[in-house]
Amino acid sequence: MMQGQPSVVDPVTMMSASKSLMTGDLWDYLTDQMSRQARFEKLFAYHVVGNLLVRKPTVFALADGRQAHELMESGQSARKIVLKP
């Protein structure tokens, strides 16, 4: 079992050694229509019974971009932040 924070990785140092970071993607696991349909049905069932909460994004006018960045950097919002022209 792994505990604690992982070691800090410097991407620039890795790139200078011709190394890269890779991660799995959902589409690596949902490789056929049946598995995608089953995952969709499970997700939709959560939504239907109210176990999936989808919150509206926090919207800022484009002119208030500084405030949007300050909110994002403060860590006080877990919502998506959208700048609207």
PDB file of N, CA and C in Angstrom:
ATOM      1  N   MET A   1       0.843  -1.168   0.000  1.00  0.00           N
ATOM      2  CA  MET A   1       0.000   0.000   0.000  1.00  0.00           C
ATOM      3  C   MET A   1       0.895   1.240   0.000  1.00  0.00           C
ATOM      4  N   MET A   2       0.554   2.204  -0.850  1.00  0.00           N
ATOM      5  CA  MET A   2       1.314   3.440  -0.924  1.00  0.00           C
ATOM      6  C   MET A   2       0.673   4.465  -0.007  1.00  0.00           C
ATOM      7  N   GLN A   3       1.493   5.178   0.727  1.00  0.00           N
ATOM      8  CA  GLN A   3       0.977   6.214   1.613  1.00  0.00           C
ATOM      9  C   GLN A   3       1.755   7.492   1.389  1.00  0.00           C
ATOM     10  N   GLY A   4       1.103   8.617   1.697  1.00  0.00           N
ATOM     11  CA  GLY A   4       1.769   9.903   1.577  1.00  0.00           C
ATOM     12  C   GLY A   4       1.777  10.429   0.156  1.00  0.00           C
ATOM     13  N   GLN A   5       2.429  11.544   0.018  1.00  0.00           N
ATOM     14  CA  GLN A   5       2.511  12.203  -1.284  1.00  0.00           C
ATOM     15  C   GLN A   5       3.583  11.545  -2.153  1.00  0.00           C
ATOM     16  N   PRO A   6       3.327  11.431  -3.443  1.00  0.00           N
ATOM     17  CA  PRO A   6       4.364  10.901  -4.332  1.00  0.00           C
ATOM     18  C   PRO A   6       5.497  11.916  -4.471  1.00  0.00           C
ATOM     19  N   SER A   7       6.627  11.450  -4.921  1.00  0.00           N
ATOM     20  CA  SER A   7       7.771  12.342  -5.152  1.00  0.00           C
ATOM     21  C   SER A   7       7.431  13.360  -6.220  1.00  0.00           C
ATOM     22  N   VAL A   8       8.013  14.538  -6.088  1.00  0.00           N
ATOM     23  CA  VAL A   8       7.819  15.591  -7.084  1.00  0.00           C
ATOM     24  C   VAL A   8       8.573  15.201  -8.347  1.00  0.00           C
ATOM     25  N   VAL A   9       7.901  15.361  -9.494  1.00  0.00           N
ATOM     26  CA  VAL A   9       8.508  15.028 -10.781  1.00  0.00           C
ATOM     27  C   VAL A   9       8.668  16.311 -11.575  1.00  0.00           C
ATOM     28  N   ASP A  10       9.861  16.559 -12.065  1.00  0.00           N
ATOM     29  CA  ASP A  10      10.130  17.733 -12.889  1.00  0.00           C
ATOM     30  C   ASP A  10      10.054  17.332 -14.358  1.00  0.00           C
ATOM     31  N   PRO A  11       8.986  17.743 -15.055  1.00  0.00           N
ATOM     32  CA  PRO A  11       8.823  17.345 -16.456  1.00  0.00           C
ATOM     33  C   PRO A  11       9.975  17.799 -17.354  1.00  0.00           C
ATOM     34  N   VAL A  12      10.557  18.957 -17.075  1.00  0.00           N
ATOM     35  CA  VAL A  12      11.653  19.458 -17.912  1.00  0.00           C
ATOM     36  C   VAL A  12      12.857  18.523 -17.807  1.00  0.00           C
ATOM     37  N   THR A  13      13.175  18.086 -16.594  1.00  0.00           N
ATOM     38  CA  THR A  13      14.285  17.151 -16.409  1.00  0.00           C
ATOM     39  C   THR A  13      13.999  15.841 -17.129  1.00  0.00           C
ATOM     40  N   MET A  14      12.753  15.382 -17.047  1.00  0.00           N
ATOM     41  CA  MET A  14      12.396  14.136 -17.730  1.00  0.00           C
ATOM     42  C   MET A  14      12.543  14.268 -19.241  1.00  0.00           C
ATOM     43  N   MET A  15      12.064  15.406 -19.776  1.00  0.00           N
ATOM     44  CA  MET A  15      12.141  15.596 -21.228  1.00  0.00           C
ATOM     45  C   MET A  15      13.585  15.662 -21.699  1.00  0.00           C
ATOM     46  N   SER A  16      14.466  16.254 -20.884  1.00  0.00           N
ATOM     47  CA  SER A  16      15.871  16.337 -21.302  1.00  0.00           C
ATOM     48  C   SER A  16      16.512  14.952 -21.355  1.00  0.00           C
ATOM     49  N   ALA A  17      15.913  13.979 -20.660  1.00  0.00           N
ATOM     50  CA  ALA A  17      16.410  12.600 -20.700  1.00  0.00           C
ATOM     51  C   ALA A  17      15.562  11.743 -21.646  1.00  0.00           C
ATOM     52  N   SER A  18      14.750  12.407 -22.492  1.00  0.00           N
ATOM     53  CA  SER A  18      13.867  11.721 -23.450  1.00  0.00           C
ATOM     54  C   SER A  18      12.891  10.771 -22.764  1.00  0.00           C
ATOM     55  N   LYS A  19      12.390  11.185 -21.619  1.00  0.00           N
ATOM     56  CA  LYS A  19      11.371  10.410 -20.899  1.00  0.00           C
ATOM     57  C   LYS A  19      10.075  11.198 -20.926  1.00  0.00           C
ATOM     58  N   SER A  20       8.969  10.510 -20.717  1.00  0.00           N
ATOM     59  CA  SER A  20       7.681  11.197 -20.706  1.00  0.00           C
ATOM     60  C   SER A  20       6.774  10.587 -19.642  1.00  0.00           C
ATOM     61  N   LEU A  21       5.751  11.337 -19.280  1.00  0.00           N
ATOM     62  CA  LEU A  21       4.740  10.855 -18.345  1.00  0.00           C
ATOM     63  C   LEU A  21       3.545  10.369 -19.143  1.00  0.00           C
ATOM     64  N   MET A  22       3.014   9.229 -18.772  1.00  0.00           N
ATOM     65  CA  MET A  22       1.843   8.705 -19.458  1.00  0.00           C
ATOM     66  C   MET A  22       0.854   8.236 -18.412  1.00  0.00           C
ATOM     67  N   THR A  23      -0.396   8.250 -18.763  1.00  0.00           N
ATOM     68  CA  THR A  23      -1.433   7.799 -17.859  1.00  0.00           C
ATOM     69  C   THR A  23      -2.490   7.052 -18.655  1.00  0.00           C
ATOM     70  N   GLY A  24      -3.292   6.307 -17.951  1.00  0.00           N
ATOM     71  CA  GLY A  24      -4.384   5.603 -18.611  1.00  0.00           C
ATOM     72  C   GLY A  24      -5.500   6.559 -18.976  1.00  0.00           C
ATOM     73  N   ASP A  25      -6.299   6.169 -19.888  1.00  0.00           N
ATOM     74  CA  ASP A  25      -7.430   6.959 -20.332  1.00  0.00           C
ATOM     75  C   ASP A  25      -8.646   6.047 -20.309  1.00  0.00           C
ATOM     76  N   LEU A  26      -9.799   6.620 -20.048  1.00  0.00           N
ATOM     77  CA  LEU A  26     -11.024   5.815 -19.992  1.00  0.00           C
ATOM     78  C   LEU A  26     -11.209   5.001 -21.270  1.00  0.00           C
ATOM     79  N   TRP A  27     -10.824   5.568 -22.410  1.00  0.00           N
ATOM     80  CA  TRP A  27     -11.023   4.872 -23.681  1.00  0.00           C
ATOM     81  C   TRP A  27     -10.059   3.698 -23.852  1.00  0.00           C
ATOM     82  N   ASP A  28      -9.032   3.615 -23.007  1.00  0.00           N
ATOM     83  CA  ASP A  28      -8.167   2.437 -23.021  1.00  0.00           C
ATOM     84  C   ASP A  28      -8.900   1.225 -22.447  1.00  0.00           C
ATOM     85  N   TYR A  29      -9.899   1.473 -21.618  1.00  0.00           N
ATOM     86  CA  TYR A  29     -10.623   0.394 -20.944  1.00  0.00           C
ATOM     87  C   TYR A  29     -11.982   0.122 -21.576  1.00  0.00           C
ATOM     88  N   LEU A  30     -12.595   1.156 -22.113  1.00  0.00           N
ATOM     89  CA  LEU A  30     -13.904   0.986 -22.755  1.00  0.00           C
ATOM     90  C   LEU A  30     -13.680   0.856 -24.255  1.00  0.00           C
ATOM     91  N   THR A  31     -13.269  -0.325 -24.658  1.00  0.00           N
ATOM     92  CA  THR A  31     -12.813  -0.507 -26.037  1.00  0.00           C
ATOM     93  C   THR A  31     -13.885  -0.987 -26.997  1.00  0.00           C
ATOM     94  N   ASP A  32     -15.080  -1.280 -26.479  1.00  0.00           N
ATOM     95  CA  ASP A  32     -16.133  -1.723 -27.390  1.00  0.00           C
ATOM     96  C   ASP A  32     -17.461  -1.084 -26.997  1.00  0.00           C
ATOM     97  N   GLN A  33     -18.422  -1.155 -27.895  1.00  0.00           N
ATOM     98  CA  GLN A  33     -19.721  -0.525 -27.699  1.00  0.00           C
ATOM     99  C   GLN A  33     -20.429  -1.065 -26.460  1.00  0.00           C
ATOM    100  N   MET A  34     -20.351  -2.363 -26.213  1.00  0.00           N
ATOM    101  CA  MET A  34     -21.050  -2.940 -25.057  1.00  0.00           C
ATOM    102  C   MET A  34     -20.507  -2.388 -23.739  1.00  0.00           C
ATOM    103  N   SER A  35     -19.206  -2.266 -23.603  1.00  0.00           N
ATOM    104  CA  SER A  35     -18.641  -1.747 -22.354  1.00  0.00           C
ATOM    105  C   SER A  35     -18.969  -0.262 -22.183  1.00  0.00           C
ATOM    106  N   ARG A  36     -18.972   0.496 -23.281  1.00  0.00           N
ATOM    107  CA  ARG A  36     -19.342   1.912 -23.185  1.00  0.00           C
ATOM    108  C   ARG A  36     -20.815   2.062 -22.819  1.00  0.00           C
ATOM    109  N   GLN A  37     -21.677   1.229 -23.401  1.00  0.00           N
ATOM    110  CA  GLN A  37     -23.112   1.298 -23.103  1.00  0.00           C
ATOM    111  C   GLN A  37     -23.372   0.931 -21.645  1.00  0.00           C
ATOM    112  N   ALA A  38     -22.699  -0.089 -21.143  1.00  0.00           N
ATOM    113  CA  ALA A  38     -22.876  -0.503 -19.744  1.00  0.00           C
ATOM    114  C   ALA A  38     -22.430   0.614 -18.811  1.00  0.00           C
ATOM    115  N   ARG A  39     -21.312   1.261 -19.110  1.00  0.00           N
ATOM    116  CA  ARG A  39     -20.826   2.368 -18.270  1.00  0.00           C
ATOM    117  C   ARG A  39     -21.802   3.540 -18.311  1.00  0.00           C
ATOM    118  N   PHE A  40     -22.340   3.837 -19.493  1.00  0.00           N
ATOM    119  CA  PHE A  40     -23.314   4.915 -19.622  1.00  0.00           C
ATOM    120  C   PHE A  40     -24.558   4.624 -18.798  1.00  0.00           C
ATOM    121  N   GLU A  41     -25.072   3.401 -18.893  1.00  0.00           N
ATOM    122  CA  GLU A  41     -26.291   3.046 -18.161  1.00  0.00           C
ATOM    123  C   GLU A  41     -26.077   3.142 -16.649  1.00  0.00           C
ATOM    124  N   LYS A  42     -24.923   2.746 -16.180  1.00  0.00           N
ATOM    125  CA  LYS A  42     -24.611   2.842 -14.755  1.00  0.00           C
ATOM    126  C   LYS A  42     -24.547   4.311 -14.320  1.00  0.00           C
ATOM    127  N   LEU A  43     -23.884   5.138 -15.106  1.00  0.00           N
ATOM    128  CA  LEU A  43     -23.788   6.558 -14.803  1.00  0.00           C
ATOM    129  C   LEU A  43     -25.164   7.216 -14.824  1.00  0.00           C
ATOM    130  N   PHE A  44     -25.963   6.919 -15.835  1.00  0.00           N
ATOM    131  CA  PHE A  44     -27.295   7.508 -15.957  1.00  0.00           C
ATOM    132  C   PHE A  44     -28.184   7.077 -14.791  1.00  0.00           C
ATOM    133  N   ALA A  45     -28.043   5.833 -14.333  1.00  0.00           N
ATOM    134  CA  ALA A  45     -28.825   5.350 -13.190  1.00  0.00           C
ATOM    135  C   ALA A  45     -28.491   6.166 -11.937  1.00  0.00           C
ATOM    136  N   TYR A  46     -27.219   6.504 -11.737  1.00  0.00           N
ATOM    137  CA  TYR A  46     -26.844   7.366 -10.611  1.00  0.00           C
ATOM    138  C   TYR A  46     -27.564   8.705 -10.707  1.00  0.00           C
ATOM    139  N   HIS A  47     -27.638   9.254 -11.908  1.00  0.00           N
ATOM    140  CA  HIS A  47     -28.295  10.548 -12.115  1.00  0.00           C
ATOM    141  C   HIS A  47     -29.786  10.460 -11.823  1.00  0.00           C
ATOM    142  N   VAL A  48     -30.431   9.414 -12.305  1.00  0.00           N
ATOM    143  CA  VAL A  48     -31.873   9.259 -12.149  1.00  0.00           C
ATOM    144  C   VAL A  48     -32.281   9.203 -10.676  1.00  0.00           C
ATOM    145  N   VAL A  49     -31.523   8.506  -9.853  1.00  0.00           N
ATOM    146  CA  VAL A  49     -31.891   8.378  -8.429  1.00  0.00           C
ATOM    147  C   VAL A  49     -31.342   9.531  -7.583  1.00  0.00           C
ATOM    148  N   GLY A  50     -30.638  10.473  -8.197  1.00  0.00           N
ATOM    149  CA  GLY A  50     -30.158  11.639  -7.478  1.00  0.00           C
ATOM    150  C   GLY A  50     -28.826  11.464  -6.779  1.00  0.00           C
ATOM    151  N   ASN A  51     -28.072  10.426  -7.111  1.00  0.00           N
ATOM    152  CA  ASN A  51     -26.766  10.210  -6.495  1.00  0.00           C
ATOM    153  C   ASN A  51     -25.638  10.928  -7.219  1.00  0.00           C
ATOM    154  N   LEU A  52     -25.955  11.584  -8.307  1.00  0.00           N
ATOM    155  CA  LEU A  52     -24.946  12.293  -9.084  1.00  0.00           C
ATOM    156  C   LEU A  52     -25.311  13.771  -9.084  1.00  0.00           C
ATOM    157  N   LEU A  53     -24.489  14.564  -8.435  1.00  0.00           N
ATOM    158  CA  LEU A  53     -24.746  15.989  -8.337  1.00  0.00           C
ATOM    159  C   LEU A  53     -23.906  16.721  -9.379  1.00  0.00           C
ATOM    160  N   VAL A  54     -24.574  17.405 -10.298  1.00  0.00           N
ATOM    161  CA  VAL A  54     -23.885  18.179 -11.319  1.00  0.00           C
ATOM    162  C   VAL A  54     -24.157  19.646 -11.000  1.00  0.00           C
ATOM    163  N   ARG A  55     -23.107  20.346 -10.635  1.00  0.00           N
ATOM    164  CA  ARG A  55     -23.252  21.750 -10.256  1.00  0.00           C
ATOM    165  C   ARG A  55     -22.994  22.651 -11.455  1.00  0.00           C
ATOM    166  N   LYS A  56     -23.679  23.775 -11.448  1.00  0.00           N
ATOM    167  CA  LYS A  56     -23.452  24.767 -12.497  1.00  0.00           C
ATOM    168  C   LYS A  56     -22.091  25.391 -12.284  1.00  0.00           C
ATOM    169  N   PRO A  57     -21.434  25.781 -13.365  1.00  0.00           N
ATOM    170  CA  PRO A  57     -20.115  26.401 -13.219  1.00  0.00           C
ATOM    171  C   PRO A  57     -20.228  27.806 -12.635  1.00  0.00           C
ATOM    172  N   THR A  58     -19.127  28.282 -12.084  1.00  0.00           N
ATOM    173  CA  THR A  58     -19.037  29.677 -11.661  1.00  0.00           C
ATOM    174  C   THR A  58     -18.666  30.470 -12.911  1.00  0.00           C
ATOM    175  N   VAL A  59     -19.480  31.469 -13.233  1.00  0.00           N
ATOM    176  CA  VAL A  59     -19.282  32.223 -14.470  1.00  0.00           C
ATOM    177  C   VAL A  59     -18.839  33.647 -14.141  1.00  0.00           C
ATOM    178  N   PHE A  60     -17.782  34.075 -14.792  1.00  0.00           N
ATOM    179  CA  PHE A  60     -17.284  35.438 -14.677  1.00  0.00           C
ATOM    180  C   PHE A  60     -17.334  36.077 -16.049  1.00  0.00           C
ATOM    181  N   ALA A  61     -17.582  37.374 -16.071  1.00  0.00           N
ATOM    182  CA  ALA A  61     -17.443  38.120 -17.319  1.00  0.00           C
ATOM    183  C   ALA A  61     -15.965  38.114 -17.691  1.00  0.00           C
ATOM    184  N   LEU A  62     -15.680  38.149 -18.962  1.00  0.00           N
ATOM    185  CA  LEU A  62     -14.296  38.137 -19.428  1.00  0.00           C
ATOM    186  C   LEU A  62     -13.497  39.277 -18.790  1.00  0.00           C
ATOM    187  N   ALA A  63     -14.153  40.409 -18.606  1.00  0.00           N
ATOM    188  CA  ALA A  63     -13.487  41.557 -17.990  1.00  0.00           C
ATOM    189  C   ALA A  63     -13.091  41.279 -16.539  1.00  0.00           C
ATOM    190  N   ASP A  64     -13.714  40.297 -15.913  1.00  0.00           N
ATOM    191  CA  ASP A  64     -13.408  39.935 -14.524  1.00  0.00           C
ATOM    192  C   ASP A  64     -12.496  38.717 -14.441  1.00  0.00           C
ATOM    193  N   GLY A  65     -11.694  38.517 -15.481  1.00  0.00           N
ATOM    194  CA  GLY A  65     -10.799  37.365 -15.533  1.00  0.00           C
ATOM    195  C   GLY A  65      -9.846  37.300 -14.348  1.00  0.00           C
ATOM    196  N   ARG A  66      -9.420  38.454 -13.870  1.00  0.00           N
ATOM    197  CA  ARG A  66      -8.512  38.472 -12.721  1.00  0.00           C
ATOM    198  C   ARG A  66      -9.171  37.830 -11.501  1.00  0.00           C
ATOM    199  N   GLN A  67     -10.433  38.172 -11.254  1.00  0.00           N
ATOM    200  CA  GLN A  67     -11.168  37.584 -10.120  1.00  0.00           C
ATOM    201  C   GLN A  67     -11.304  36.071 -10.303  1.00  0.00           C
ATOM    202  N   ALA A  68     -11.552  35.648 -11.527  1.00  0.00           N
ATOM    203  CA  ALA A  68     -11.676  34.211 -11.803  1.00  0.00           C
ATOM    204  C   ALA A  68     -10.383  33.490 -11.467  1.00  0.00           C
ATOM    205  N   HIS A  69      -9.263  34.060 -11.882  1.00  0.00           N
ATOM    206  CA  HIS A  69      -7.964  33.451 -11.592  1.00  0.00           C
ATOM    207  C   HIS A  69      -7.677  33.436 -10.095  1.00  0.00           C
ATOM    208  N   GLU A  70      -8.030  34.524  -9.404  1.00  0.00           N
ATOM    209  CA  GLU A  70      -7.817  34.576  -7.961  1.00  0.00           C
ATOM    210  C   GLU A  70      -8.634  33.502  -7.250  1.00  0.00           C
ATOM    211  N   LEU A  71      -9.881  33.296  -7.689  1.00  0.00           N
ATOM    212  CA  LEU A  71     -10.716  32.249  -7.089  1.00  0.00           C
ATOM    213  C   LEU A  71     -10.103  30.879  -7.339  1.00  0.00           C
ATOM    214  N   MET A  72      -9.668  30.637  -8.560  1.00  0.00           N
ATOM    215  CA  MET A  72      -9.081  29.346  -8.905  1.00  0.00           C
ATOM    216  C   MET A  72      -7.816  29.095  -8.086  1.00  0.00           C
ATOM    217  N   GLU A  73      -6.963  30.101  -7.987  1.00  0.00           N
ATOM    218  CA  GLU A  73      -5.709  29.956  -7.266  1.00  0.00           C
ATOM    219  C   GLU A  73      -5.911  29.828  -5.762  1.00  0.00           C
ATOM    220  N   SER A  74      -7.021  30.357  -5.238  1.00  0.00           N
ATOM    221  CA  SER A  74      -7.275  30.302  -3.798  1.00  0.00           C
ATOM    222  C   SER A  74      -7.633  28.900  -3.326  1.00  0.00           C
ATOM    223  N   GLY A  75      -8.106  28.055  -4.257  1.00  0.00           N
ATOM    224  CA  GLY A  75      -8.518  26.704  -3.886  1.00  0.00           C
ATOM    225  C   GLY A  75      -9.862  26.664  -3.185  1.00  0.00           C
ATOM    226  N   GLN A  76     -10.604  27.763  -3.200  1.00  0.00           N
ATOM    227  CA  GLN A  76     -11.891  27.831  -2.518  1.00  0.00           C
ATOM    228  C   GLN A  76     -13.057  27.385  -3.385  1.00  0.00           C
ATOM    229  N   SER A  77     -12.781  27.006  -4.610  1.00  0.00           N
ATOM    230  CA  SER A  77     -13.838  26.547  -5.499  1.00  0.00           C
ATOM    231  C   SER A  77     -13.409  25.257  -6.183  1.00  0.00           C
ATOM    232  N   ALA A  78     -14.280  24.257  -6.136  1.00  0.00           N
ATOM    233  CA  ALA A  78     -14.012  23.005  -6.836  1.00  0.00           C
ATOM    234  C   ALA A  78     -14.812  22.947  -8.135  1.00  0.00           C
ATOM    235  N   ARG A  79     -15.584  23.977  -8.386  1.00  0.00           N
ATOM    236  CA  ARG A  79     -16.400  24.013  -9.600  1.00  0.00           C
ATOM    237  C   ARG A  79     -15.594  24.458 -10.807  1.00  0.00           C
ATOM    238  N   LYS A  80     -16.166  24.178 -11.963  1.00  0.00           N
ATOM    239  CA  LYS A  80     -15.582  24.691 -13.209  1.00  0.00           C
ATOM    240  C   LYS A  80     -15.769  26.209 -13.196  1.00  0.00           C
ATOM    241  N   ILE A  81     -14.775  26.918 -13.668  1.00  0.00           N
ATOM    242  CA  ILE A  81     -14.843  28.375 -13.758  1.00  0.00           C
ATOM    243  C   ILE A  81     -14.836  28.744 -15.224  1.00  0.00           C
ATOM    244  N   VAL A  82     -15.835  29.524 -15.631  1.00  0.00           N
ATOM    245  CA  VAL A  82     -16.005  29.871 -17.038  1.00  0.00           C
ATOM    246  C   VAL A  82     -15.913  31.374 -17.195  1.00  0.00           C
ATOM    247  N   LEU A  83     -15.156  31.822 -18.198  1.00  0.00           N
ATOM    248  CA  LEU A  83     -15.105  33.234 -18.557  1.00  0.00           C
ATOM    249  C   LEU A  83     -16.036  33.452 -19.742  1.00  0.00           C
ATOM    250  N   LYS A  84     -16.968  34.371 -19.587  1.00  0.00           N
ATOM    251  CA  LYS A  84     -17.961  34.618 -20.635  1.00  0.00           C
ATOM    252  C   LYS A  84     -17.724  35.989 -21.263  1.00  0.00           C
ATOM    253  N   PRO A  85     -17.563  36.023 -22.600  1.00  0.00           N
ATOM    254  CA  PRO A  85     -17.345  37.323 -23.270  1.00  0.00           C
ATOM    255  C   PRO A  85     -18.550  38.246 -23.139  1.00  0.00           C
TER     256      PRO A  85
END
